[in-house]
Amino acid sequence: MSGPTREATSAAALIDDGLAADLAAASLMLARRFAAGATLWCLAPSWEPHANHVAVEFVHPVVVGKKALPAVALTGPDLVSTVRVSVRPGDVVVAVASAADPAVRSVMRRSPAWGVSTLWIGSGPRPPAGSADHVLWLDDPDPRLPATGGFVLLYHLLWELTHVCFEHPGLLSEPVPECTDEVCVTCSDEGRLAEVIEPAIGGRSLVRTAEGEETVDTMLVDPVEAADLLLVHAGMAISKVDEELDR
């Protein structure tokens, strides 16, 4: 009986139980989003070939019979603006980057206002908890790791497991949360992240949220500028959010 292949040995060395569980969860999310019509937007500001490679993995499947999935690599000097005008609610952004990458940090922070899901692949020091919906991370601090096959292995497994989910159609429907409590509509409007599109005119600003464009009262936080992040509750901006991370 033959021993394990080189690829299997490499995967076993890099992927522990925690990372395997993260891969499974990220793949299920991705399959559900694709099934609902999402596009995958791929970023890698410091290593653009990775962004192109991720997109190619999904657009041009190497296995006969696997469906091509919409994926686009985004590159350029002003990545935050490029992502802003590209994504639609329900889409997914995947970034291959270090935890310190300022453009990716900003994109991840703004994604809830754009209504998109996020996935962050990287190595070394981890991003803060909650920075992305799903984090696939190699804790090896070796700065040469992005040039090895570690990242390629992660996003190839992500592609492969996403197609495994497609083989089980019952998994592709998002569970519908049950709510039987009677609550006040205003009180149930928890704080939502919003990004300013047009600053205040008469104390009201046009903003973008996961639900789309809306006008909110910004008198409590004025002055506001385009691209500011706000926390909105019951139609009113109640604070500015983490601006130091988004410049």
C-alpha atoms as a PDB file:
ATOM      1  CA  MET A   1       0.000   0.000   0.000  1.00  0.00           C
ATOM      2  CA  SER A   2       1.475   3.328  -1.043  1.00  0.00           C
ATOM      3  CA  GLY A   3       2.140   6.135   1.450  1.00  0.00           C
ATOM      4  CA  PRO A   4       0.604   9.622   1.493  1.00  0.00           C
ATOM      5  CA  THR A   5       1.208  11.930  -1.440  1.00  0.00           C
ATOM      6  CA  ARG A   6       3.464  14.969  -1.151  1.00  0.00           C
ATOM      7  CA  GLU A   7       0.371  17.237  -1.376  1.00  0.00           C
ATOM      8  CA  ALA A   8      -1.362  15.353   1.449  1.00  0.00           C
ATOM      9  CA  THR A   9       1.739  15.558   3.627  1.00  0.00           C
ATOM     10  CA  SER A  10       2.045  19.308   2.958  1.00  0.00           C
ATOM     11  CA  ALA A  11      -1.611  19.895   3.819  1.00  0.00           C
ATOM     12  CA  ALA A  12      -1.340  17.897   7.029  1.00  0.00           C
ATOM     13  CA  ALA A  13       1.666  19.947   8.100  1.00  0.00           C
ATOM     14  CA  LEU A  14      -0.071  23.294   7.529  1.00  0.00           C
ATOM     15  CA  ILE A  15      -3.708  22.659   8.439  1.00  0.00           C
ATOM     16  CA  ASP A  16      -4.658  21.781  11.988  1.00  0.00           C
ATOM     17  CA  ASP A  17      -8.165  21.011  13.264  1.00  0.00           C
ATOM     18  CA  GLY A  18      -8.965  24.671  13.874  1.00  0.00           C
ATOM     19  CA  LEU A  19      -7.968  25.782  10.397  1.00  0.00           C
ATOM     20  CA  ALA A  20      -9.834  22.824   8.892  1.00  0.00           C
ATOM     21  CA  ALA A  21     -13.005  23.938  10.676  1.00  0.00           C
ATOM     22  CA  ASP A  22     -12.461  27.512   9.475  1.00  0.00           C
ATOM     23  CA  LEU A  23     -12.075  26.267   5.894  1.00  0.00           C
ATOM     24  CA  ALA A  24     -15.293  24.266   6.131  1.00  0.00           C
ATOM     25  CA  ALA A  25     -17.259  27.232   7.495  1.00  0.00           C
ATOM     26  CA  ALA A  26     -15.841  29.647   4.908  1.00  0.00           C
ATOM     27  CA  SER A  27     -16.591  27.232   2.069  1.00  0.00           C
ATOM     28  CA  LEU A  28     -20.195  26.801   3.173  1.00  0.00           C
ATOM     29  CA  MET A  29     -20.637  30.567   3.357  1.00  0.00           C
ATOM     30  CA  LEU A  30     -19.118  30.969  -0.094  1.00  0.00           C
ATOM     31  CA  ALA A  31     -21.278  28.242  -1.642  1.00  0.00           C
ATOM     32  CA  ARG A  32     -24.417  29.819  -0.188  1.00  0.00           C
ATOM     33  CA  ARG A  33     -23.466  33.252  -1.495  1.00  0.00           C
ATOM     34  CA  PHE A  34     -22.679  31.914  -4.977  1.00  0.00           C
ATOM     35  CA  ALA A  35     -25.984  30.020  -5.001  1.00  0.00           C
ATOM     36  CA  ALA A  36     -27.736  33.321  -4.247  1.00  0.00           C
ATOM     37  CA  GLY A  37     -25.994  35.082  -7.157  1.00  0.00           C
ATOM     38  CA  ALA A  38     -22.898  36.586  -5.534  1.00  0.00           C
ATOM     39  CA  THR A  39     -19.668  37.625  -7.195  1.00  0.00           C
ATOM     40  CA  LEU A  40     -16.341  36.936  -5.465  1.00  0.00           C
ATOM     41  CA  TRP A  41     -14.003  39.957  -5.484  1.00  0.00           C
ATOM     42  CA  CYS A  42     -10.349  39.022  -4.932  1.00  0.00           C
ATOM     43  CA  LEU A  43      -7.728  41.336  -3.408  1.00  0.00           C
ATOM     44  CA  ALA A  44      -4.007  40.996  -2.673  1.00  0.00           C
ATOM     45  CA  PRO A  45      -2.448  44.480  -2.618  1.00  0.00           C
ATOM     46  CA  SER A  46       1.112  43.332  -1.912  1.00  0.00           C
ATOM     47  CA  TRP A  47       0.928  40.085  -3.880  1.00  0.00           C
ATOM     48  CA  GLU A  48      -1.336  40.741  -6.881  1.00  0.00           C
ATOM     49  CA  PRO A  49      -0.647  37.340  -8.491  1.00  0.00           C
ATOM     50  CA  HIS A  50      -2.528  35.771  -5.583  1.00  0.00           C
ATOM     51  CA  ALA A  51      -5.623  37.852  -6.374  1.00  0.00           C
ATOM     52  CA  ASN A  52      -5.482  36.733 -10.004  1.00  0.00           C
ATOM     53  CA  HIS A  53      -4.889  33.122  -8.999  1.00  0.00           C
ATOM     54  CA  VAL A  54      -7.885  33.031  -6.636  1.00  0.00           C
ATOM     55  CA  ALA A  55     -10.129  34.436  -9.365  1.00  0.00           C
ATOM     56  CA  VAL A  56      -8.857  31.916 -11.894  1.00  0.00           C
ATOM     57  CA  GLU A  57      -9.470  29.035  -9.449  1.00  0.00           C
ATOM     58  CA  PHE A  58     -13.188  29.857  -9.392  1.00  0.00           C
ATOM     59  CA  VAL A  59     -13.737  31.106 -12.953  1.00  0.00           C
ATOM     60  CA  HIS A  60     -11.821  28.312 -14.703  1.00  0.00           C
ATOM     61  CA  PRO A  61     -12.295  25.079 -12.721  1.00  0.00           C
ATOM     62  CA  VAL A  62      -9.693  22.469 -13.572  1.00  0.00           C
ATOM     63  CA  VAL A  63     -12.052  19.568 -12.874  1.00  0.00           C
ATOM     64  CA  VAL A  64     -14.446  18.564 -15.645  1.00  0.00           C
ATOM     65  CA  GLY A  65     -18.064  19.058 -14.619  1.00  0.00           C
ATOM     66  CA  LYS A  66     -17.433  21.710 -11.976  1.00  0.00           C
ATOM     67  CA  LYS A  67     -19.258  24.959 -12.600  1.00  0.00           C
ATOM     68  CA  ALA A  68     -17.496  28.215 -13.349  1.00  0.00           C
ATOM     69  CA  LEU A  69     -18.213  30.745 -10.632  1.00  0.00           C
ATOM     70  CA  PRO A  70     -18.094  34.557 -10.961  1.00  0.00           C
ATOM     71  CA  ALA A  71     -14.845  35.866  -9.502  1.00  0.00           C
ATOM     72  CA  VAL A  72     -12.880  39.018 -10.328  1.00  0.00           C
ATOM     73  CA  ALA A  73      -9.418  40.187  -9.241  1.00  0.00           C
ATOM     74  CA  LEU A  74      -9.303  43.852  -8.244  1.00  0.00           C
ATOM     75  CA  THR A  75      -5.984  45.678  -8.409  1.00  0.00           C
ATOM     76  CA  GLY A  76      -4.717  49.249  -8.551  1.00  0.00           C
ATOM     77  CA  PRO A  77      -3.519  52.060  -6.306  1.00  0.00           C
ATOM     78  CA  ASP A  78      -6.866  53.054  -4.734  1.00  0.00           C
ATOM     79  CA  LEU A  79      -8.209  49.657  -3.825  1.00  0.00           C
ATOM     80  CA  VAL A  80     -10.826  50.863  -1.339  1.00  0.00           C
ATOM     81  CA  SER A  81     -12.503  53.048  -3.977  1.00  0.00           C
ATOM     82  CA  THR A  82     -12.295  50.245  -6.545  1.00  0.00           C
ATOM     83  CA  VAL A  83     -13.989  47.786  -4.210  1.00  0.00           C
ATOM     84  CA  ARG A  84     -16.596  50.363  -3.189  1.00  0.00           C
ATOM     85  CA  VAL A  85     -17.856  50.868  -6.749  1.00  0.00           C
ATOM     86  CA  SER A  86     -17.639  47.159  -7.645  1.00  0.00           C
ATOM     87  CA  VAL A  87     -19.428  45.270  -4.893  1.00  0.00           C
ATOM     88  CA  ARG A  88     -23.147  44.740  -4.481  1.00  0.00           C
ATOM     89  CA  PRO A  89     -25.029  43.581  -1.373  1.00  0.00           C
ATOM     90  CA  GLY A  90     -24.658  39.823  -1.058  1.00  0.00           C
ATOM     91  CA  ASP A  91     -21.229  39.671  -2.724  1.00  0.00           C
ATOM     92  CA  VAL A  92     -18.062  38.316  -1.086  1.00  0.00           C
ATOM     93  CA  VAL A  93     -14.626  39.930  -0.771  1.00  0.00           C
ATOM     94  CA  VAL A  94     -11.617  37.658  -0.258  1.00  0.00           C
ATOM     95  CA  ALA A  95      -8.251  39.216   0.566  1.00  0.00           C
ATOM     96  CA  VAL A  96      -4.826  37.610   0.642  1.00  0.00           C
ATOM     97  CA  ALA A  97      -2.811  39.987   2.788  1.00  0.00           C
ATOM     98  CA  SER A  98      -0.999  40.544   6.050  1.00  0.00           C
ATOM     99  CA  ALA A  99      -2.970  41.724   9.071  1.00  0.00           C
ATOM    100  CA  ALA A 100      -1.290  45.135   8.798  1.00  0.00           C
ATOM    101  CA  ASP A 101      -2.289  45.896   5.194  1.00  0.00           C
ATOM    102  CA  PRO A 102      -4.063  49.285   5.418  1.00  0.00           C
ATOM    103  CA  ALA A 103      -6.180  48.908   2.274  1.00  0.00           C
ATOM    104  CA  VAL A 104      -7.464  45.487   3.287  1.00  0.00           C
ATOM    105  CA  ARG A 105      -8.134  46.672   6.844  1.00  0.00           C
ATOM    106  CA  SER A 106     -10.241  49.498   5.451  1.00  0.00           C
ATOM    107  CA  VAL A 107     -12.127  47.256   3.021  1.00  0.00           C
ATOM    108  CA  MET A 108     -12.881  44.751   5.760  1.00  0.00           C
ATOM    109  CA  ARG A 109     -14.064  47.497   8.107  1.00  0.00           C
ATOM    110  CA  ARG A 110     -16.372  49.019   5.501  1.00  0.00           C
ATOM    111  CA  SER A 111     -17.812  45.766   4.163  1.00  0.00           C
ATOM    112  CA  PRO A 112     -20.776  45.615   6.578  1.00  0.00           C
ATOM    113  CA  ALA A 113     -21.911  49.005   5.245  1.00  0.00           C
ATOM    114  CA  TRP A 114     -21.651  47.645   1.715  1.00  0.00           C
ATOM    115  CA  GLY A 115     -23.599  44.494   2.591  1.00  0.00           C
ATOM    116  CA  VAL A 116     -20.834  42.063   1.608  1.00  0.00           C
ATOM    117  CA  SER A 117     -19.294  39.069   3.357  1.00  0.00           C
ATOM    118  CA  THR A 118     -15.549  38.940   3.940  1.00  0.00           C
ATOM    119  CA  LEU A 119     -12.820  36.310   3.982  1.00  0.00           C
ATOM    120  CA  TRP A 120      -9.195  37.066   4.928  1.00  0.00           C
ATOM    121  CA  ILE A 121      -6.286  34.749   4.075  1.00  0.00           C
ATOM    122  CA  GLY A 122      -2.867  35.480   5.532  1.00  0.00           C
ATOM    123  CA  SER A 123       0.003  34.511   7.788  1.00  0.00           C
ATOM    124  CA  GLY A 124       2.033  35.779  10.725  1.00  0.00           C
ATOM    125  CA  PRO A 125       0.369  38.046  13.318  1.00  0.00           C
ATOM    126  CA  ARG A 126      -3.400  37.706  13.085  1.00  0.00           C
ATOM    127  CA  PRO A 127      -5.876  40.528  12.452  1.00  0.00           C
ATOM    128  CA  PRO A 128      -7.975  41.565  15.457  1.00  0.00           C
ATOM    129  CA  ALA A 129     -10.914  39.300  16.267  1.00  0.00           C
ATOM    130  CA  GLY A 130     -13.968  40.209  14.217  1.00  0.00           C
ATOM    131  CA  SER A 131     -11.994  41.905  11.440  1.00  0.00           C
ATOM    132  CA  ALA A 132     -13.538  39.602   8.830  1.00  0.00           C
ATOM    133  CA  ASP A 133     -16.424  37.151   8.714  1.00  0.00           C
ATOM    134  CA  HIS A 134     -14.001  34.290   8.067  1.00  0.00           C
ATOM    135  CA  VAL A 135     -10.239  34.180   8.652  1.00  0.00           C
ATOM    136  CA  LEU A 136      -8.012  31.479   7.155  1.00  0.00           C
ATOM    137  CA  TRP A 137      -4.657  31.999   8.800  1.00  0.00           C
ATOM    138  CA  LEU A 138      -1.244  30.375   8.865  1.00  0.00           C
ATOM    139  CA  ASP A 139       0.491  31.328  12.101  1.00  0.00           C
ATOM    140  CA  ASP A 140       3.976  30.760  10.684  1.00  0.00           C
ATOM    141  CA  PRO A 141       5.824  34.112  11.025  1.00  0.00           C
ATOM    142  CA  ASP A 142       8.244  33.372   8.152  1.00  0.00           C
ATOM    143  CA  PRO A 143       7.986  36.412   5.813  1.00  0.00           C
ATOM    144  CA  ARG A 144       8.771  34.154   2.849  1.00  0.00           C
ATOM    145  CA  LEU A 145       5.572  32.155   3.302  1.00  0.00           C
ATOM    146  CA  PRO A 146       3.482  34.202   0.805  1.00  0.00           C
ATOM    147  CA  ALA A 147       5.944  33.130  -1.908  1.00  0.00           C
ATOM    148  CA  THR A 148       5.547  29.434  -1.076  1.00  0.00           C
ATOM    149  CA  GLY A 149       2.551  27.214  -1.758  1.00  0.00           C
ATOM    150  CA  GLY A 150       0.839  27.774   1.599  1.00  0.00           C
ATOM    151  CA  PHE A 151      -1.652  30.394   0.436  1.00  0.00           C
ATOM    152  CA  VAL A 152      -2.259  28.541  -2.824  1.00  0.00           C
ATOM    153  CA  LEU A 153      -3.123  25.431  -0.830  1.00  0.00           C
ATOM    154  CA  LEU A 154      -5.624  27.373   1.285  1.00  0.00           C
ATOM    155  CA  TYR A 155      -7.546  28.919  -1.570  1.00  0.00           C
ATOM    156  CA  HIS A 156      -7.433  25.739  -3.628  1.00  0.00           C
ATOM    157  CA  LEU A 157      -9.005  23.874  -0.716  1.00  0.00           C
ATOM    158  CA  LEU A 158     -11.534  26.698  -0.405  1.00  0.00           C
ATOM    159  CA  TRP A 159     -12.474  26.206  -4.059  1.00  0.00           C
ATOM    160  CA  GLU A 160     -12.644  22.437  -3.695  1.00  0.00           C
ATOM    161  CA  LEU A 161     -14.757  22.486  -0.524  1.00  0.00           C
ATOM    162  CA  THR A 162     -17.108  25.076  -2.027  1.00  0.00           C
ATOM    163  CA  HIS A 163     -17.866  22.594  -4.805  1.00  0.00           C
ATOM    164  CA  VAL A 164     -18.345  19.833  -2.244  1.00  0.00           C
ATOM    165  CA  CYS A 165     -21.086  22.000  -0.736  1.00  0.00           C
ATOM    166  CA  PHE A 166     -22.706  22.330  -4.177  1.00  0.00           C
ATOM    167  CA  GLU A 167     -22.998  18.551  -4.251  1.00  0.00           C
ATOM    168  CA  HIS A 168     -25.379  18.811  -1.288  1.00  0.00           C
ATOM    169  CA  PRO A 169     -28.121  21.259  -2.367  1.00  0.00           C
ATOM    170  CA  GLY A 170     -29.794  21.088   1.013  1.00  0.00           C
ATOM    171  CA  LEU A 171     -26.858  23.004   2.480  1.00  0.00           C
ATOM    172  CA  LEU A 172     -27.210  25.967   0.145  1.00  0.00           C
ATOM    173  CA  SER A 173     -30.234  27.620   1.742  1.00  0.00           C
ATOM    174  CA  GLU A 174     -29.520  30.058   4.521  1.00  0.00           C
ATOM    175  CA  PRO A 175     -31.285  29.047   7.745  1.00  0.00           C
ATOM    176  CA  VAL A 176     -34.130  31.419   8.564  1.00  0.00           C
ATOM    177  CA  PRO A 177     -33.922  32.660  12.144  1.00  0.00           C
ATOM    178  CA  GLU A 178     -37.100  32.297  14.128  1.00  0.00           C
ATOM    179  CA  CYS A 179     -38.378  35.285  16.070  1.00  0.00           C
ATOM    180  CA  THR A 180     -41.591  35.142  18.037  1.00  0.00           C
ATOM    181  CA  ASP A 181     -40.982  38.100  20.353  1.00  0.00           C
ATOM    182  CA  GLU A 182     -43.057  41.237  19.911  1.00  0.00           C
ATOM    183  CA  VAL A 183     -40.683  44.208  19.967  1.00  0.00           C
ATOM    184  CA  CYS A 184     -40.831  47.873  19.136  1.00  0.00           C
ATOM    185  CA  VAL A 185     -39.638  48.525  15.574  1.00  0.00           C
ATOM    186  CA  THR A 186     -37.477  51.427  16.741  1.00  0.00           C
ATOM    187  CA  CYS A 187     -35.936  49.476  19.632  1.00  0.00           C
ATOM    188  CA  SER A 188     -35.200  46.523  17.352  1.00  0.00           C
ATOM    189  CA  ASP A 189     -33.190  48.761  15.004  1.00  0.00           C
ATOM    190  CA  GLU A 190     -29.766  47.932  16.394  1.00  0.00           C
ATOM    191  CA  GLY A 191     -26.786  50.053  15.461  1.00  0.00           C
ATOM    192  CA  ARG A 192     -25.854  49.537  11.812  1.00  0.00           C
ATOM    193  CA  LEU A 193     -22.688  50.570  10.005  1.00  0.00           C
ATOM    194  CA  ALA A 194     -23.139  53.202   7.314  1.00  0.00           C
ATOM    195  CA  GLU A 195     -20.745  54.932   4.928  1.00  0.00           C
ATOM    196  CA  VAL A 196     -21.370  58.538   3.959  1.00  0.00           C
ATOM    197  CA  ILE A 197     -22.052  59.120   0.265  1.00  0.00           C
ATOM    198  CA  GLU A 198     -23.040  62.795   0.381  1.00  0.00           C
ATOM    199  CA  PRO A 199     -22.390  64.915   3.490  1.00  0.00           C
ATOM    200  CA  ALA A 200     -25.127  66.657   5.403  1.00  0.00           C
ATOM    201  CA  ILE A 201     -27.501  69.090   3.783  1.00  0.00           C
ATOM    202  CA  GLY A 202     -29.723  70.564   6.440  1.00  0.00           C
ATOM    203  CA  GLY A 203     -28.483  68.050   8.976  1.00  0.00           C
ATOM    204  CA  ARG A 204     -29.246  64.966   6.851  1.00  0.00           C
ATOM    205  CA  SER A 205     -26.720  62.894   4.891  1.00  0.00           C
ATOM    206  CA  LEU A 206     -27.053  60.270   2.187  1.00  0.00           C
ATOM    207  CA  VAL A 207     -25.388  57.048   3.356  1.00  0.00           C
ATOM    208  CA  ARG A 208     -24.855  53.509   2.166  1.00  0.00           C
ATOM    209  CA  THR A 209     -25.827  50.579   4.387  1.00  0.00           C
ATOM    210  CA  ALA A 210     -26.261  46.843   3.858  1.00  0.00           C
ATOM    211  CA  GLU A 211     -29.886  47.584   2.947  1.00  0.00           C
ATOM    212  CA  GLY A 212     -28.957  50.182   0.310  1.00  0.00           C
ATOM    213  CA  GLU A 213     -28.870  53.968   0.197  1.00  0.00           C
ATOM    214  CA  GLU A 214     -30.794  55.959   2.775  1.00  0.00           C
ATOM    215  CA  THR A 215     -30.874  59.399   4.327  1.00  0.00           C
ATOM    216  CA  VAL A 216     -30.053  59.726   8.008  1.00  0.00           C
ATOM    217  CA  ASP A 217     -29.873  62.538  10.523  1.00  0.00           C
ATOM    218  CA  THR A 218     -26.214  63.396  11.216  1.00  0.00           C
ATOM    219  CA  MET A 219     -26.668  66.406  13.481  1.00  0.00           C
ATOM    220  CA  LEU A 220     -25.129  64.550  16.450  1.00  0.00           C
ATOM    221  CA  VAL A 221     -21.900  63.803  14.588  1.00  0.00           C
ATOM    222  CA  ASP A 222     -21.530  66.737  12.196  1.00  0.00           C
ATOM    223  CA  PRO A 223     -19.418  67.636  10.390  1.00  0.00           C
ATOM    224  CA  VAL A 224     -19.245  64.504   8.252  1.00  0.00           C
ATOM    225  CA  GLU A 225     -17.394  63.904   5.005  1.00  0.00           C
ATOM    226  CA  ALA A 226     -17.811  61.472   2.135  1.00  0.00           C
ATOM    227  CA  ALA A 227     -16.526  57.976   3.069  1.00  0.00           C
ATOM    228  CA  ASP A 228     -16.869  58.569   6.826  1.00  0.00           C
ATOM    229  CA  LEU A 229     -18.134  55.529   8.699  1.00  0.00           C
ATOM    230  CA  LEU A 230     -21.078  56.068  11.022  1.00  0.00           C
ATOM    231  CA  LEU A 231     -23.057  54.002  13.475  1.00  0.00           C
ATOM    232  CA  VAL A 232     -26.742  54.495  12.673  1.00  0.00           C
ATOM    233  CA  HIS A 233     -29.670  53.788  14.985  1.00  0.00           C
ATOM    234  CA  ALA A 234     -33.339  54.508  14.258  1.00  0.00           C
ATOM    235  CA  GLY A 235     -32.503  56.802  11.351  1.00  0.00           C
ATOM    236  CA  MET A 236     -29.898  58.812  13.239  1.00  0.00           C
ATOM    237  CA  ALA A 237     -26.095  58.686  13.179  1.00  0.00           C
ATOM    238  CA  ILE A 238     -25.028  58.322  16.809  1.00  0.00           C
ATOM    239  CA  SER A 239     -21.239  58.139  16.406  1.00  0.00           C
ATOM    240  CA  LYS A 240     -18.348  58.021  13.987  1.00  0.00           C
ATOM    241  CA  VAL A 241     -16.596  54.651  13.757  1.00  0.00           C
ATOM    242  CA  ASP A 242     -12.886  53.768  13.846  1.00  0.00           C
ATOM    243  CA  GLU A 243     -11.831  56.526  11.525  1.00  0.00           C
ATOM    244  CA  GLU A 244      -8.148  55.997  12.328  1.00  0.00           C
ATOM    245  CA  LEU A 245      -8.283  52.578  10.604  1.00  0.00           C
ATOM    246  CA  ASP A 246      -9.777  53.866   7.400  1.00  0.00           C
ATOM    247  CA  ARG A 247      -7.527  56.628   6.149  1.00  0.00           C
END
